[in-house]
Amino acid sequence: MKNNLAVLLILTFIAGSCTLQKVAVKVYSPPKIEYPPELRAFIVTSRYVPATGPYEDVQWGAFESVDSVKWKISESVVDTLGKYMTEGNYFLVKVRHLPRMLRNNSAELPEALPWDGLVTLGDKEFVQGFVILEGFGQEPGKTEIKEENGRYVASRNYKTALAIRVYETQKRRIIDDSVYHFQTRIEAEGNTPESAIANLQDSVNGAGIAAGRAAREFVNGIMPARIPASRFLYVKGDSLLMVADTAIRMGNWNRAEGKWSYLAYKSKDTLVQARASYNMAVACERDGRLNQALGYANRSQRLHADKNTQEYIAILEQKLREYQDKVKNGEIIRNW
């Protein structure tokens, strides 16, 4: 009888110790320029046409001539923006060329587009906003030659200006309207000065490369990073917690969050509510919803006080303070 009781106690201890499991999580790290959390689906396009003619005629497409090279490069900027904004599935992007919009032929920001047309197009395309290349400009520098260890290096600097405006159509507000300036240096080597210059990209290809790098640098400023972290999750105590654990192992956080959010409020067991609330805090932190994460963690602690939860609350509070300090100091720009 004593032996059976000892085995039962051991099994109970093992089961309890497996209730909370450590998992590797990549948590959200804010970008330099942060968009509203609900703004995720965009049309990316351009209204820039490097044309000559009266301004009003250019706006409506009745221009005299077009710099086809600059136009082609500016359109490739749109493609590059769309390509890199889709990385990590953080943004949903649709690239569109030549939509019916008023044109602009400078590197400066023109007047904003009228809301009615944008809202209509946004509803049609099922997006929440637009990232529009409103203007574009580029200045190549002089070709320079220098000798390094018996070889010659040819280089050329390019200054690229991207006038970008971000519209949130559902709330009819402009999230960003800035002219961003980038510098790109392109180099090539050769055994002689002449061969180094010959190996350097010609002006057209070099301009395209510089514009592409500028677009990539802009996207780097608005894309969040994912930082590896270790967190605990409750995996037992209810069948739905076990279902959620299986979903996490398969990388399906959305399914797991659905189970946790249900249990956090609908479970008849307050301990299960506490555990589900704790897991919801982890899910929210993972997506950068720090205020929600802290709210769920505090709720978990109120329902069932626990040292591990209190330690996690301290982590979230520290992250929130650091985030607020960065916003206050201008290290993070919240454009809303």
Protein backbone atom coordinates (compact mmCIF):
# COMPACT_ATOMS: atom_id res chain seq x y z
CA MET A 1 0.00 0.00 0.00
CA LYS A 2 2.85 2.36 0.92
CA ASN A 3 4.63 1.50 -2.35
CA ASN A 4 1.48 2.29 -4.36
CA LEU A 5 1.12 5.62 -2.56
CA ALA A 6 4.74 6.50 -3.29
CA VAL A 7 4.30 5.71 -7.01
CA LEU A 8 1.13 7.81 -7.10
CA LEU A 9 2.92 10.76 -5.54
CA ILE A 10 5.80 10.46 -8.01
CA LEU A 11 3.39 10.32 -10.97
CA THR A 12 1.50 13.31 -9.62
CA PHE A 13 4.76 15.25 -9.28
CA ILE A 14 5.82 14.36 -12.84
CA ALA A 15 2.44 15.32 -14.25
CA GLY A 16 2.56 18.64 -12.42
CA SER A 17 6.11 19.37 -13.56
CA CYS A 18 5.11 18.82 -17.18
CA THR A 19 2.22 21.28 -16.98
CA LEU A 20 4.54 24.22 -17.68
CA GLN A 21 6.97 23.80 -20.55
CA LYS A 22 9.72 26.06 -21.84
CA VAL A 23 9.49 26.87 -25.56
CA ALA A 24 11.65 28.79 -27.99
CA VAL A 25 9.77 31.83 -29.29
CA LYS A 26 10.71 34.59 -31.69
CA VAL A 27 9.20 37.72 -30.20
CA TYR A 28 8.39 40.97 -32.00
CA SER A 29 10.96 43.76 -31.98
CA PRO A 30 9.62 47.13 -33.18
CA PRO A 31 10.95 48.76 -36.38
CA LYS A 32 12.29 52.29 -36.70
CA ILE A 33 8.99 53.47 -38.20
CA GLU A 34 5.93 51.75 -36.78
CA TYR A 35 2.55 51.61 -38.50
CA PRO A 36 -0.76 51.03 -36.67
CA PRO A 37 -1.06 47.36 -35.67
CA GLU A 38 -4.29 46.94 -37.63
CA LEU A 39 -2.72 48.26 -40.87
CA ARG A 40 -1.30 45.20 -42.58
CA ALA A 41 -2.78 44.90 -46.10
CA PHE A 42 -1.50 47.35 -48.73
CA ILE A 43 -1.51 48.20 -52.38
CA VAL A 44 2.00 49.33 -53.35
CA THR A 45 2.13 51.52 -56.43
CA SER A 46 3.57 54.69 -57.95
CA ARG A 47 2.16 57.93 -59.33
CA TYR A 48 5.56 59.13 -60.55
CA VAL A 49 6.05 59.70 -64.28
CA PRO A 50 9.28 61.51 -65.33
CA ALA A 51 7.51 63.52 -68.02
CA THR A 52 7.84 66.92 -69.65
CA GLY A 53 4.99 69.30 -70.31
CA PRO A 54 2.66 71.59 -68.36
CA TYR A 55 2.11 70.36 -64.80
CA GLU A 56 -1.63 69.95 -65.25
CA ASP A 57 -1.12 67.93 -68.42
CA VAL A 58 1.42 65.69 -66.70
CA GLN A 59 -1.01 65.11 -63.85
CA TRP A 60 -3.62 63.75 -66.23
CA GLY A 61 -1.22 61.80 -68.45
CA ALA A 62 -1.15 64.15 -71.47
CA PHE A 63 2.63 64.70 -71.33
CA GLU A 64 4.96 65.44 -74.24
CA SER A 65 7.77 62.97 -73.55
CA VAL A 66 8.96 60.57 -70.87
CA ASP A 67 12.39 59.60 -69.53
CA SER A 68 11.87 55.88 -70.04
CA VAL A 69 14.95 54.89 -68.00
CA LYS A 70 13.86 56.80 -64.90
CA TRP A 71 10.32 55.54 -65.31
CA LYS A 72 11.51 51.95 -65.55
CA ILE A 73 13.73 52.34 -62.50
CA SER A 74 10.94 53.94 -60.46
CA GLU A 75 8.61 51.08 -61.36
CA SER A 76 11.29 48.61 -60.24
CA VAL A 77 11.34 50.45 -56.90
CA VAL A 78 7.65 49.60 -56.53
CA ASP A 79 8.37 45.93 -57.29
CA THR A 80 11.22 45.91 -54.76
CA LEU A 81 9.07 47.51 -52.06
CA GLY A 82 6.39 44.89 -52.65
CA LYS A 83 8.86 42.02 -52.66
CA TYR A 84 10.54 42.82 -49.36
CA MET A 85 7.41 43.97 -47.53
CA THR A 86 6.01 40.44 -47.89
CA GLU A 87 8.96 38.84 -46.09
CA GLY A 88 7.94 37.08 -42.91
CA ASN A 89 4.24 37.36 -43.81
CA TYR A 90 3.97 40.51 -41.70
CA PHE A 91 2.39 42.61 -44.47
CA LEU A 92 -0.03 41.51 -47.18
CA VAL A 93 0.96 43.36 -50.34
CA LYS A 94 -0.50 43.74 -53.81
CA VAL A 95 1.75 45.48 -56.34
CA ARG A 96 -0.12 47.52 -58.95
CA HIS A 97 1.33 49.52 -61.85
CA LEU A 98 -0.33 52.52 -63.48
CA PRO A 99 -3.56 52.76 -61.49
CA ARG A 100 -5.81 55.68 -62.38
CA MET A 101 -4.18 58.38 -60.27
CA LEU A 102 -3.01 61.94 -60.73
CA ARG A 103 0.64 61.92 -61.86
CA ASN A 104 3.69 63.65 -60.47
CA ASN A 105 7.03 64.25 -62.21
CA SER A 106 9.34 65.45 -59.44
CA ALA A 107 11.17 64.04 -56.42
CA GLU A 108 9.00 66.10 -54.10
CA LEU A 109 5.69 65.24 -52.48
CA PRO A 110 2.72 66.52 -54.51
CA GLU A 111 -0.72 67.16 -53.06
CA ALA A 112 -2.25 64.09 -51.47
CA LEU A 113 -4.63 62.02 -53.55
CA PRO A 114 -8.38 62.42 -52.93
CA TRP A 115 -9.80 60.00 -50.38
CA ASP A 116 -12.92 58.92 -52.29
CA GLY A 117 -10.97 57.27 -55.09
CA LEU A 118 -8.53 55.60 -52.69
CA VAL A 119 -11.30 54.26 -50.48
CA THR A 120 -13.16 52.86 -53.50
CA LEU A 121 -10.03 51.17 -54.85
CA GLY A 122 -9.05 49.90 -51.40
CA ASP A 123 -12.47 48.31 -50.87
CA LYS A 124 -12.31 46.74 -54.31
CA GLU A 125 -8.87 45.25 -53.64
CA PHE A 126 -9.64 44.31 -49.99
CA VAL A 127 -6.74 46.30 -48.56
CA GLN A 128 -6.51 48.72 -45.65
CA GLY A 129 -4.06 51.19 -47.12
CA PHE A 130 -1.65 52.29 -49.83
CA VAL A 131 2.11 52.70 -49.96
CA ILE A 132 2.62 55.07 -52.88
CA LEU A 133 5.85 56.21 -54.48
CA GLU A 134 4.74 59.81 -54.99
CA GLY A 135 8.05 61.07 -56.34
CA PHE A 136 11.48 59.82 -57.31
CA GLY A 137 14.88 61.37 -57.95
CA GLN A 138 18.43 60.18 -58.45
CA GLU A 139 21.81 61.84 -58.87
CA PRO A 140 24.88 59.79 -59.86
CA GLY A 141 28.20 61.05 -58.61
CA LYS A 142 31.55 61.14 -60.38
CA THR A 143 33.49 57.96 -61.01
CA GLU A 144 36.50 57.72 -58.71
CA ILE A 145 39.62 55.54 -58.96
CA LYS A 146 41.93 54.43 -56.16
CA GLU A 147 44.71 51.87 -55.87
CA GLU A 148 44.60 49.15 -53.23
CA ASN A 149 47.30 46.49 -52.92
CA GLY A 150 48.32 46.69 -56.55
CA ARG A 151 44.74 46.63 -57.88
CA TYR A 152 42.46 49.47 -58.88
CA VAL A 153 39.01 50.14 -57.49
CA ALA A 154 36.48 52.21 -59.41
CA SER A 155 33.54 53.60 -57.46
CA ARG A 156 30.49 55.80 -57.98
CA ASN A 157 28.04 57.23 -55.44
CA TYR A 158 24.33 57.50 -56.13
CA LYS A 159 21.95 59.76 -54.24
CA THR A 160 18.38 58.43 -54.35
CA ALA A 161 15.26 60.22 -53.15
CA LEU A 162 12.02 58.32 -52.52
CA ALA A 163 8.98 60.47 -51.80
CA ILE A 164 6.63 58.04 -50.10
CA ARG A 165 3.16 58.59 -48.72
CA VAL A 166 1.26 55.94 -46.77
CA TYR A 167 -2.53 56.22 -46.71
CA GLU A 168 -4.79 54.34 -44.29
CA THR A 169 -8.07 54.35 -46.18
CA GLN A 170 -10.32 52.87 -43.50
CA LYS A 171 -9.64 55.81 -41.18
CA ARG A 172 -8.89 58.32 -43.94
CA ARG A 173 -5.59 59.38 -42.46
CA ILE A 174 -2.05 59.72 -43.77
CA ILE A 175 0.39 57.60 -41.80
CA ASP A 176 3.56 58.86 -43.45
CA ASP A 177 4.45 61.52 -45.99
CA SER A 178 8.20 61.90 -46.19
CA VAL A 179 10.99 62.24 -48.71
CA TYR A 180 13.63 59.68 -47.79
CA HIS A 181 17.22 60.18 -48.96
CA PHE A 182 19.65 57.31 -49.45
CA GLN A 183 23.25 57.03 -50.63
CA THR A 184 24.64 53.96 -52.33
CA ARG A 185 28.25 53.34 -53.30
CA ILE A 186 28.98 50.89 -56.12
CA GLU A 187 32.51 49.55 -56.62
CA ALA A 188 34.42 47.34 -59.07
CA GLU A 189 38.02 46.15 -59.25
CA GLY A 190 40.49 45.75 -62.11
CA ASN A 191 44.18 45.29 -62.84
CA THR A 192 44.27 48.72 -64.47
CA PRO A 193 42.22 51.89 -63.99
CA GLU A 194 40.59 51.27 -67.36
CA SER A 195 39.57 47.70 -66.53
CA ALA A 196 38.20 48.77 -63.15
CA ILE A 197 36.03 51.39 -64.85
CA ALA A 198 34.94 48.82 -67.44
CA ASN A 199 33.96 46.41 -64.67
CA LEU A 200 31.95 49.08 -62.88
CA GLN A 201 28.27 48.90 -63.64
CA ASP A 202 27.25 51.26 -66.42
CA SER A 203 25.18 54.25 -65.37
CA VAL A 204 21.81 52.63 -66.13
CA ASN A 205 22.49 49.38 -64.28
CA GLY A 206 24.16 51.25 -61.44
CA ALA A 207 21.16 53.52 -61.07
CA GLY A 208 18.87 50.49 -60.92
CA ILE A 209 21.00 48.81 -58.28
CA ALA A 210 21.11 51.98 -56.18
CA ALA A 211 17.34 52.46 -56.42
CA GLY A 212 16.75 48.85 -55.40
CA ARG A 213 18.99 49.22 -52.37
CA ALA A 214 17.19 52.42 -51.40
CA ALA A 215 13.84 50.62 -51.56
CA ARG A 216 15.21 47.77 -49.48
CA GLU A 217 16.58 50.22 -46.90
CA PHE A 218 13.16 51.88 -46.64
CA VAL A 219 11.49 48.52 -46.02
CA ASN A 220 14.09 47.70 -43.37
CA GLY A 221 12.90 50.81 -41.53
CA ILE A 222 9.26 49.68 -41.37
CA MET A 223 9.69 45.93 -40.89
CA PRO A 224 9.85 44.52 -37.35
CA ALA A 225 12.48 42.00 -36.36
CA ARG A 226 12.00 38.68 -34.61
CA ILE A 227 14.23 38.16 -31.58
CA PRO A 228 14.76 34.62 -30.17
CA ALA A 229 13.52 34.22 -26.60
CA SER A 230 12.58 31.47 -24.16
CA ARG A 231 9.12 31.51 -22.67
CA PHE A 232 6.93 29.12 -20.66
CA LEU A 233 3.55 27.82 -21.78
CA TYR A 234 0.94 25.83 -19.90
CA VAL A 235 0.21 22.65 -21.86
CA LYS A 236 -1.95 20.63 -19.46
CA GLY A 237 -4.99 21.06 -17.26
CA ASP A 238 -7.60 21.02 -20.03
CA SER A 239 -8.01 19.14 -23.29
CA LEU A 240 -7.98 22.41 -25.25
CA LEU A 241 -4.62 23.32 -23.70
CA MET A 242 -3.28 20.06 -25.10
CA VAL A 243 -4.82 20.82 -28.51
CA ALA A 244 -3.13 24.23 -28.43
CA ASP A 245 0.18 22.60 -27.48
CA THR A 246 -0.06 20.36 -30.54
CA ALA A 247 -0.80 23.41 -32.70
CA ILE A 248 2.29 25.20 -31.34
CA ARG A 249 4.46 22.20 -32.16
CA MET A 250 3.19 22.49 -35.74
CA GLY A 251 3.88 26.24 -35.78
CA ASN A 252 0.20 27.20 -35.84
CA TRP A 253 0.04 30.01 -33.29
CA ASN A 254 -3.29 31.30 -34.60
CA ARG A 255 -5.03 28.03 -33.79
CA ALA A 256 -3.43 27.89 -30.36
CA GLU A 257 -4.43 31.49 -29.61
CA GLY A 258 -8.03 30.65 -30.51
CA LYS A 259 -8.09 27.88 -27.90
CA TRP A 260 -6.39 29.97 -25.23
CA SER A 261 -8.64 33.01 -25.72
CA TYR A 262 -11.70 30.76 -25.35
CA LEU A 263 -10.43 29.12 -22.17
CA ALA A 264 -9.29 32.42 -20.68
CA TYR A 265 -12.91 33.51 -20.30
CA LYS A 266 -15.15 30.51 -20.90
CA SER A 267 -13.54 27.80 -18.79
CA LYS A 268 -15.43 26.97 -15.60
CA ASP A 269 -12.12 26.30 -13.84
CA THR A 270 -10.38 29.50 -12.67
CA LEU A 271 -7.00 27.73 -12.69
CA VAL A 272 -7.47 26.87 -16.37
CA GLN A 273 -8.54 30.47 -17.01
CA ALA A 274 -5.33 31.65 -15.35
CA ARG A 275 -3.16 29.28 -17.39
CA ALA A 276 -4.88 30.21 -20.65
CA SER A 277 -4.53 33.91 -19.81
CA TYR A 278 -0.82 33.38 -19.20
CA ASN A 279 -0.45 31.67 -22.58
CA MET A 280 -2.37 34.51 -24.22
CA ALA A 281 0.15 36.93 -22.73
CA VAL A 282 2.94 35.02 -24.50
CA ALA A 283 1.01 35.06 -27.78
CA CYS A 284 0.46 38.82 -27.51
CA GLU A 285 4.10 39.49 -26.68
CA ARG A 286 5.12 37.42 -29.68
CA ASP A 287 3.11 39.73 -31.97
CA GLY A 288 4.23 42.95 -30.30
CA ARG A 289 0.98 43.63 -28.41
CA LEU A 290 2.74 44.48 -25.17
CA ASN A 291 -0.18 46.23 -23.45
CA GLN A 292 -2.45 43.27 -24.14
CA ALA A 293 0.27 40.87 -23.03
CA LEU A 294 0.64 42.70 -19.73
CA GLY A 295 -3.13 42.75 -19.28
CA TYR A 296 -3.40 39.00 -19.75
CA ALA A 297 -0.43 38.33 -17.46
CA ASN A 298 -1.95 40.48 -14.70
CA ARG A 299 -5.27 38.70 -15.17
CA SER A 300 -3.54 35.34 -14.81
CA GLN A 301 -1.89 36.51 -11.59
CA ARG A 302 -5.20 37.75 -10.17
CA LEU A 303 -6.89 34.43 -10.91
CA HIS A 304 -4.05 32.31 -9.57
CA ALA A 305 -1.01 33.96 -8.00
CA ASP A 306 2.20 32.33 -9.14
CA LYS A 307 5.91 33.19 -8.88
CA ASN A 308 6.54 32.37 -12.54
CA THR A 309 3.71 34.69 -13.63
CA GLN A 310 5.02 37.48 -11.42
CA GLU A 311 8.45 37.13 -13.01
CA TYR A 312 6.90 37.26 -16.47
CA ILE A 313 4.95 40.40 -15.53
CA ALA A 314 8.27 42.03 -14.56
CA ILE A 315 9.74 41.11 -17.98
CA LEU A 316 6.76 42.62 -19.81
CA GLU A 317 6.78 45.79 -17.71
CA GLN A 318 10.47 46.28 -18.44
CA LYS A 319 9.92 45.77 -22.18
CA LEU A 320 7.05 48.23 -22.16
CA ARG A 321 9.15 50.86 -20.37
CA GLU A 322 12.00 50.41 -22.83
CA TYR A 323 9.60 50.71 -25.76
CA GLN A 324 8.01 53.89 -24.39
CA ASP A 325 11.46 55.40 -23.77
CA LYS A 326 12.49 54.69 -27.38
CA VAL A 327 9.32 56.35 -28.67
CA LYS A 328 9.91 59.35 -26.40
CA ASN A 329 13.55 59.66 -27.55
CA GLY A 330 12.65 59.35 -31.24
CA GLU A 331 14.38 55.99 -31.70
CA ILE A 332 11.02 54.58 -32.73
CA ILE A 333 8.60 56.72 -34.73
CA ARG A 334 4.96 55.84 -34.25
CA ASN A 335 3.18 57.27 -37.27
CA TRP A 336 -0.32 57.39 -35.88
